[in-house]
Amino acid sequence: MSDPEEEKACHWCQIRSFATHESIPITIVNDVNDEVINPNFRFIDHSVIADDVPVAEDSFRTGCSCQSDEDCMYNTCQCLDEMAPDSDEENDDGSASQPRRKRFAYHSSGPKAGLLRDRILQSREPIYECHKGCNCSLNCPNRVVERGRTVPLQIFRTKDRGWGVKCPVDIREGQFVDRYLGEIITSEEADRRRAESTISRRKDVYLFALDKFSDPQSLDPLLAAPPLEVDGEWMSGPTRFINHSCDPNMRIFARVGDHADKHIHDLALFAIQDIPAGDELTFDYVDGLEHMDDDAYDLSKVGEMTKCLCGTKRCRGFLW
């Protein structure tokens, strides 16, 4: 008989339990050395909200009342109230603009169906999607992140940067890859964990702030409060093992489903260029942070900084 405790700690057992395992598996390969993923790490397929994290009351939750998926595309889908239509966006088939403007972030048909539109891909705008509280169908073209990962991923051992991640199939520019998952904790708890960490800069590799909509002046107390953070160090999905690059092939976008959950938005990774099968997947850990200016690289503090090992021509030398 199998030991329940051993199965609980077994990474293969955790991965195999995911509903998507048969069709889009996660695999782990090490052809470099004998290192294994820390046995205390746990694979999860959805983020875990800590008990002390405030969540929106059910009375504030809402979804669109669209009578069809086409209504979501062309009419007044409530999920897209904060997203303006493009004035010069091309059709999904690449032809000239059409009278009815689509407001959501994705191409809905043609060869680019399901891919982010160019304007969104080249920006840091949030993505607003329909979700489980909406009246539209599960096949609504505005449910890309909602439907989850659609490509297999392989965690592999690199020669000089620990673990990395690649995909055994081609990924297209604008394609959703996966979410960054972890334990969603308060800002205070995140600071406490940083303080407890023996190497606090290393801890920051796994902590990502959910601060896209944070505003101390907001009338919404959830957005006015210090932003929550996602800690993927000890529980996460395969994207936790993706390495940093100063010249990445992916970018994180804030994705909102129910507007009441803006303070707990998804961190969704999309390809910002075509990625051939087998290429390592990367993203910029500090992409878009306003404090990463020239002053951030004070040479007098080099000993305290985290060296970057991405090896690209655009390498900044240090992460932070």
Protein backbone atom coordinates (compact mmCIF):
# COMPACT_ATOMS: atom_id res chain seq x y z
CA MET A 1 0.00 0.00 0.00
CA SER A 2 1.16 3.53 -0.76
CA ASP A 3 2.01 5.94 2.05
CA PRO A 4 -0.40 8.94 2.02
CA GLU A 5 2.32 11.21 3.41
CA GLU A 6 4.79 10.13 0.71
CA GLU A 7 2.16 10.74 -1.99
CA LYS A 8 1.44 14.17 -0.54
CA ALA A 9 5.15 15.09 -0.86
CA CYS A 10 5.59 13.46 -4.28
CA HIS A 11 5.83 16.08 -7.03
CA TRP A 12 4.86 13.56 -9.69
CA CYS A 13 1.72 12.67 -7.70
CA GLN A 14 0.81 16.35 -7.34
CA ILE A 15 1.23 17.00 -11.08
CA ARG A 16 -0.58 13.82 -12.07
CA SER A 17 -3.62 14.87 -10.02
CA PHE A 18 -4.23 17.94 -12.21
CA ALA A 19 -7.26 17.60 -14.50
CA THR A 20 -5.15 18.71 -17.48
CA HIS A 21 -2.37 16.18 -16.94
CA GLU A 22 -3.28 13.80 -19.77
CA SER A 23 -3.75 16.45 -22.46
CA ILE A 24 -1.22 19.16 -21.49
CA PRO A 25 1.23 17.61 -19.03
CA ILE A 26 3.88 19.21 -16.87
CA THR A 27 7.16 17.26 -16.90
CA ILE A 28 10.41 17.57 -14.94
CA VAL A 29 13.78 16.70 -16.53
CA ASN A 30 17.33 16.92 -15.21
CA ASP A 31 20.13 15.85 -17.57
CA VAL A 32 22.72 18.04 -15.85
CA ASN A 33 23.19 16.78 -12.28
CA ASP A 34 21.48 14.98 -9.42
CA GLU A 35 19.56 17.98 -8.07
CA VAL A 36 15.84 17.55 -7.41
CA ILE A 37 13.12 20.09 -6.67
CA ASN A 38 12.94 20.84 -2.96
CA PRO A 39 10.66 18.17 -1.43
CA ASN A 40 8.95 20.88 0.64
CA PHE A 41 7.69 22.55 -2.53
CA ARG A 42 4.10 21.77 -3.55
CA PHE A 43 2.64 22.01 -7.06
CA ILE A 44 -0.77 23.69 -7.22
CA ASP A 45 -3.09 24.47 -10.14
CA HIS A 46 -4.75 27.51 -8.56
CA SER A 47 -3.57 30.20 -6.15
CA VAL A 48 -4.30 29.74 -2.45
CA ILE A 49 -5.74 32.74 -0.59
CA ALA A 50 -4.44 33.08 2.96
CA ASP A 51 -7.07 33.19 5.72
CA ASP A 52 -6.34 36.82 6.66
CA VAL A 53 -6.64 38.17 3.09
CA PRO A 54 -9.80 40.28 2.65
CA VAL A 55 -12.09 39.19 -0.18
CA ALA A 56 -15.04 40.96 -1.75
CA GLU A 57 -18.50 40.22 -0.44
CA ASP A 58 -20.85 38.29 -2.70
CA SER A 59 -23.13 41.32 -2.95
CA PHE A 60 -20.39 43.19 -4.84
CA ARG A 61 -19.83 40.43 -7.38
CA THR A 62 -21.21 40.72 -10.87
CA GLY A 63 -20.84 39.31 -14.37
CA CYS A 64 -22.04 40.32 -17.80
CA SER A 65 -25.64 39.73 -18.82
CA CYS A 66 -24.85 39.33 -22.53
CA GLN A 67 -27.38 37.17 -24.34
CA SER A 68 -24.73 35.73 -26.66
CA ASP A 69 -20.97 35.61 -27.10
CA GLU A 70 -21.34 38.09 -29.96
CA ASP A 71 -22.88 40.57 -27.54
CA CYS A 72 -19.68 40.37 -25.50
CA MET A 73 -17.70 41.26 -28.60
CA TYR A 74 -19.68 44.14 -30.00
CA ASN A 75 -22.18 45.57 -27.56
CA THR A 76 -22.12 46.64 -23.94
CA CYS A 77 -20.48 43.78 -22.05
CA GLN A 78 -20.20 44.96 -18.44
CA CYS A 79 -16.88 43.11 -18.05
CA LEU A 80 -15.33 45.58 -20.50
CA ASP A 81 -16.65 48.81 -19.00
CA GLU A 82 -13.09 50.00 -18.35
CA MET A 83 -11.70 48.98 -21.73
CA ALA A 84 -12.05 51.31 -24.70
CA PRO A 85 -12.39 50.09 -28.30
CA ASP A 86 -9.53 50.61 -30.71
CA SER A 87 -10.05 53.27 -33.35
CA ASP A 88 -7.68 51.69 -35.86
CA GLU A 89 -7.65 47.99 -35.03
CA GLU A 90 -7.64 45.62 -37.99
CA ASN A 91 -10.09 42.75 -38.43
CA ASP A 92 -9.17 39.27 -37.23
CA ASP A 93 -8.43 38.28 -40.82
CA GLY A 94 -6.06 41.25 -41.29
CA SER A 95 -8.39 43.26 -43.50
CA ALA A 96 -9.42 46.90 -43.05
CA SER A 97 -11.28 48.06 -39.96
CA GLN A 98 -14.98 47.31 -39.63
CA PRO A 99 -17.83 49.53 -38.35
CA ARG A 100 -18.45 47.52 -35.17
CA ARG A 101 -15.49 47.82 -32.81
CA LYS A 102 -14.42 44.98 -30.56
CA ARG A 103 -13.42 46.11 -27.10
CA PHE A 104 -11.79 43.05 -25.60
CA ALA A 105 -8.12 42.15 -25.75
CA TYR A 106 -8.20 39.13 -28.07
CA HIS A 107 -8.71 38.25 -31.71
CA SER A 108 -11.93 36.26 -31.81
CA SER A 109 -11.66 34.44 -35.14
CA GLY A 110 -9.35 33.72 -38.03
CA PRO A 111 -5.70 32.60 -37.79
CA LYS A 112 -5.07 34.79 -34.73
CA ALA A 113 -8.06 33.60 -32.71
CA GLY A 114 -7.27 33.65 -28.99
CA LEU A 115 -4.14 35.77 -29.37
CA LEU A 116 -3.71 39.18 -27.76
CA ARG A 117 -4.29 42.11 -30.07
CA ASP A 118 -1.13 44.02 -30.97
CA ARG A 119 -2.07 47.17 -29.05
CA ILE A 120 -2.51 45.25 -25.80
CA LEU A 121 0.56 43.11 -26.38
CA GLN A 122 2.76 46.17 -26.78
CA SER A 123 1.37 47.85 -23.68
CA ARG A 124 1.08 47.16 -19.96
CA GLU A 125 -2.69 47.58 -19.97
CA PRO A 126 -4.74 45.21 -17.83
CA ILE A 127 -6.84 42.53 -19.52
CA TYR A 128 -10.53 42.33 -18.66
CA GLU A 129 -12.23 38.99 -19.25
CA CYS A 130 -15.61 37.37 -18.88
CA HIS A 131 -15.72 34.78 -16.11
CA LYS A 132 -17.77 32.15 -14.29
CA GLY A 133 -20.27 34.76 -13.07
CA CYS A 134 -21.13 35.83 -16.62
CA ASN A 135 -24.11 34.92 -18.78
CA CYS A 136 -22.00 34.19 -21.89
CA SER A 137 -20.91 30.66 -22.75
CA LEU A 138 -17.72 28.91 -21.71
CA ASN A 139 -16.62 29.29 -25.35
CA CYS A 140 -16.81 33.09 -25.25
CA PRO A 141 -13.70 34.43 -27.05
CA ASN A 142 -13.14 36.69 -24.05
CA ARG A 143 -12.30 33.78 -21.71
CA VAL A 144 -8.70 32.97 -22.63
CA VAL A 145 -6.99 33.07 -19.22
CA GLU A 146 -10.27 31.91 -17.66
CA ARG A 147 -9.98 28.60 -19.56
CA GLY A 148 -6.43 28.04 -18.33
CA ARG A 149 -3.16 26.77 -19.75
CA THR A 150 -3.37 25.05 -23.15
CA VAL A 151 0.29 24.13 -23.78
CA PRO A 152 2.48 21.47 -22.13
CA LEU A 153 5.42 22.75 -20.07
CA GLN A 154 8.69 21.13 -19.09
CA ILE A 155 10.73 22.11 -16.04
CA PHE A 156 14.39 21.40 -16.79
CA ARG A 157 17.75 21.83 -15.08
CA THR A 158 19.97 24.52 -16.61
CA LYS A 159 23.76 24.46 -16.42
CA ASP A 160 24.17 27.69 -14.46
CA ARG A 161 20.76 29.12 -13.41
CA GLY A 162 19.07 26.36 -11.48
CA TRP A 163 15.74 25.23 -12.92
CA GLY A 164 14.15 26.69 -16.03
CA VAL A 165 11.05 26.09 -18.14
CA LYS A 166 10.49 25.38 -21.81
CA CYS A 167 7.61 24.26 -23.98
CA PRO A 168 7.84 21.21 -26.29
CA VAL A 169 5.54 22.87 -28.86
CA ASP A 170 5.70 26.19 -30.69
CA ILE A 171 4.14 29.18 -28.93
CA ARG A 172 2.81 32.09 -30.99
CA GLU A 173 3.25 35.77 -30.33
CA GLY A 174 0.31 36.93 -28.22
CA GLN A 175 -0.50 33.43 -26.95
CA PHE A 176 -1.42 32.86 -23.29
CA VAL A 177 1.04 30.49 -21.63
CA ASP A 178 0.07 30.18 -17.96
CA ARG A 179 -0.52 32.13 -14.73
CA TYR A 180 1.97 32.76 -11.97
CA LEU A 181 0.47 31.00 -8.97
CA GLY A 182 1.21 30.96 -5.27
CA GLU A 183 -0.09 31.84 -1.86
CA ILE A 184 -1.84 35.21 -1.86
CA ILE A 185 -0.82 37.04 1.29
CA THR A 186 -1.09 40.51 2.81
CA SER A 187 1.62 43.12 2.38
CA GLU A 188 2.44 42.82 6.09
CA GLU A 189 2.91 39.06 5.83
CA ALA A 190 5.09 39.48 2.73
CA ASP A 191 7.34 41.92 4.60
CA ARG A 192 7.53 39.52 7.54
CA ARG A 193 8.64 36.70 5.26
CA ARG A 194 11.25 38.94 3.66
CA ALA A 195 12.61 39.83 7.08
CA GLU A 196 12.77 36.16 8.08
CA SER A 197 14.49 35.11 4.87
CA THR A 198 18.23 34.58 5.24
CA ILE A 199 18.70 36.05 1.78
CA SER A 200 15.87 38.59 1.44
CA ARG A 201 16.79 39.46 -2.17
CA ARG A 202 16.34 35.80 -3.09
CA LYS A 203 12.89 35.88 -1.50
CA ASP A 204 11.92 38.70 -3.85
CA VAL A 205 12.44 36.34 -6.78
CA TYR A 206 9.24 34.55 -5.75
CA LEU A 207 7.14 37.46 -4.45
CA PHE A 208 5.05 39.48 -6.92
CA ALA A 209 2.89 42.38 -5.79
CA LEU A 210 -0.72 42.58 -6.99
CA ASP A 211 -0.43 46.36 -7.27
CA LYS A 212 -1.78 47.09 -10.74
CA PHE A 213 -4.91 48.77 -9.35
CA SER A 214 -3.63 49.91 -5.97
CA ASP A 215 -4.54 53.51 -5.16
CA PRO A 216 -4.42 55.00 -1.65
CA GLN A 217 -7.10 57.48 -2.77
CA SER A 218 -9.48 54.81 -4.07
CA LEU A 219 -13.01 54.71 -2.66
CA ASP A 220 -12.71 50.92 -2.69
CA PRO A 221 -11.06 49.97 0.62
CA LEU A 222 -9.62 46.82 -0.97
CA LEU A 223 -7.74 48.91 -3.54
CA ALA A 224 -6.81 51.67 -1.08
CA ALA A 225 -5.07 49.19 1.23
CA PRO A 226 -1.45 48.08 0.68
CA PRO A 227 -1.37 45.62 -2.24
CA LEU A 228 -1.49 41.89 -1.70
CA GLU A 229 1.42 39.75 -2.86
CA VAL A 230 1.75 36.31 -4.45
CA ASP A 231 4.38 34.10 -2.84
CA GLY A 232 5.35 31.20 -5.10
CA GLU A 233 8.41 29.99 -3.22
CA TRP A 234 6.86 26.93 -1.57
CA MET A 235 3.62 26.43 -3.51
CA SER A 236 3.10 27.32 -7.15
CA GLY A 237 2.78 26.01 -10.68
CA PRO A 238 5.49 25.43 -13.30
CA THR A 239 5.85 29.16 -14.05
CA ARG A 240 7.51 29.57 -10.64
CA PHE A 241 10.62 28.00 -12.24
CA ILE A 242 10.78 30.40 -15.21
CA ASN A 243 14.03 32.36 -15.22
CA HIS A 244 14.48 36.11 -15.55
CA SER A 245 15.80 37.71 -18.72
CA CYS A 246 16.51 41.34 -19.53
CA ASP A 247 15.44 40.46 -23.09
CA PRO A 248 12.49 38.12 -22.40
CA ASN A 249 10.11 36.28 -24.71
CA MET A 250 7.12 36.64 -22.34
CA ARG A 251 5.49 39.35 -20.24
CA ILE A 252 3.15 39.34 -17.25
CA PHE A 253 -0.23 41.05 -17.72
CA ALA A 254 -2.74 41.81 -14.99
CA ARG A 255 -5.94 39.92 -15.82
CA VAL A 256 -9.26 40.83 -14.20
CA GLY A 257 -12.34 38.62 -14.15
CA ASP A 258 -14.94 39.73 -11.61
CA HIS A 259 -14.28 43.45 -11.01
CA ALA A 260 -14.81 42.90 -7.29
CA ASP A 261 -11.57 40.89 -7.35
CA LYS A 262 -9.33 43.56 -8.82
CA HIS A 263 -7.11 43.43 -5.75
CA ILE A 264 -6.63 39.67 -6.37
CA HIS A 265 -6.08 39.85 -10.13
CA ASP A 266 -4.30 37.12 -12.07
CA LEU A 267 -0.68 37.42 -13.18
CA ALA A 268 -0.99 36.05 -16.72
CA LEU A 269 2.07 35.25 -18.85
CA PHE A 270 1.77 35.87 -22.60
CA ALA A 271 4.36 35.36 -25.33
CA ILE A 272 5.55 38.70 -26.73
CA GLN A 273 7.20 36.99 -29.71
CA ASP A 274 7.03 33.64 -31.48
CA ILE A 275 8.79 31.04 -29.31
CA PRO A 276 10.04 27.91 -31.12
CA ALA A 277 9.52 24.57 -29.41
CA GLY A 278 12.32 23.84 -26.93
CA ASP A 279 13.43 27.44 -26.39
CA GLU A 280 13.67 28.49 -22.75
CA LEU A 281 10.75 30.62 -21.56
CA THR A 282 11.70 33.86 -19.78
CA PHE A 283 10.18 37.06 -18.45
CA ASP A 284 11.56 40.23 -16.90
CA TYR A 285 11.13 40.02 -13.12
CA VAL A 286 11.19 43.82 -12.79
CA ASP A 287 9.36 44.76 -16.00
CA GLY A 288 7.66 48.13 -15.68
CA LEU A 289 8.75 48.93 -12.14
CA GLU A 290 9.05 52.69 -11.92
CA HIS A 291 11.91 52.60 -9.43
CA MET A 292 14.19 50.71 -11.81
CA ASP A 293 15.88 53.82 -13.15
CA ASP A 294 19.55 54.79 -13.45
CA ASP A 295 19.76 55.52 -9.73
CA ALA A 296 18.85 51.91 -9.01
CA TYR A 297 22.33 50.85 -10.09
CA ASP A 298 24.36 52.69 -7.47
CA LEU A 299 27.80 51.11 -7.87
CA SER A 300 28.53 51.70 -4.18
CA LYS A 301 25.85 49.10 -3.39
CA VAL A 302 26.95 46.39 -5.82
CA GLY A 303 27.70 44.02 -2.95
CA GLU A 304 24.06 44.17 -1.88
CA MET A 305 22.60 43.68 -5.37
CA THR A 306 21.43 40.51 -7.11
CA LYS A 307 23.57 39.74 -10.15
CA CYS A 308 21.74 38.91 -13.38
CA LEU A 309 22.82 35.76 -15.22
CA CYS A 310 20.53 36.03 -18.26
CA GLY A 311 23.50 36.44 -20.62
CA THR A 312 21.59 38.48 -23.21
CA LYS A 313 23.00 41.47 -25.10
CA ARG A 314 20.53 43.68 -23.23
CA CYS A 315 21.52 42.40 -19.78
CA ARG A 316 21.35 45.18 -17.17
CA GLY A 317 23.93 43.43 -15.00
CA PHE A 318 21.76 43.23 -11.88
CA LEU A 319 18.17 42.34 -11.05
CA TRP A 320 17.81 44.81 -8.18
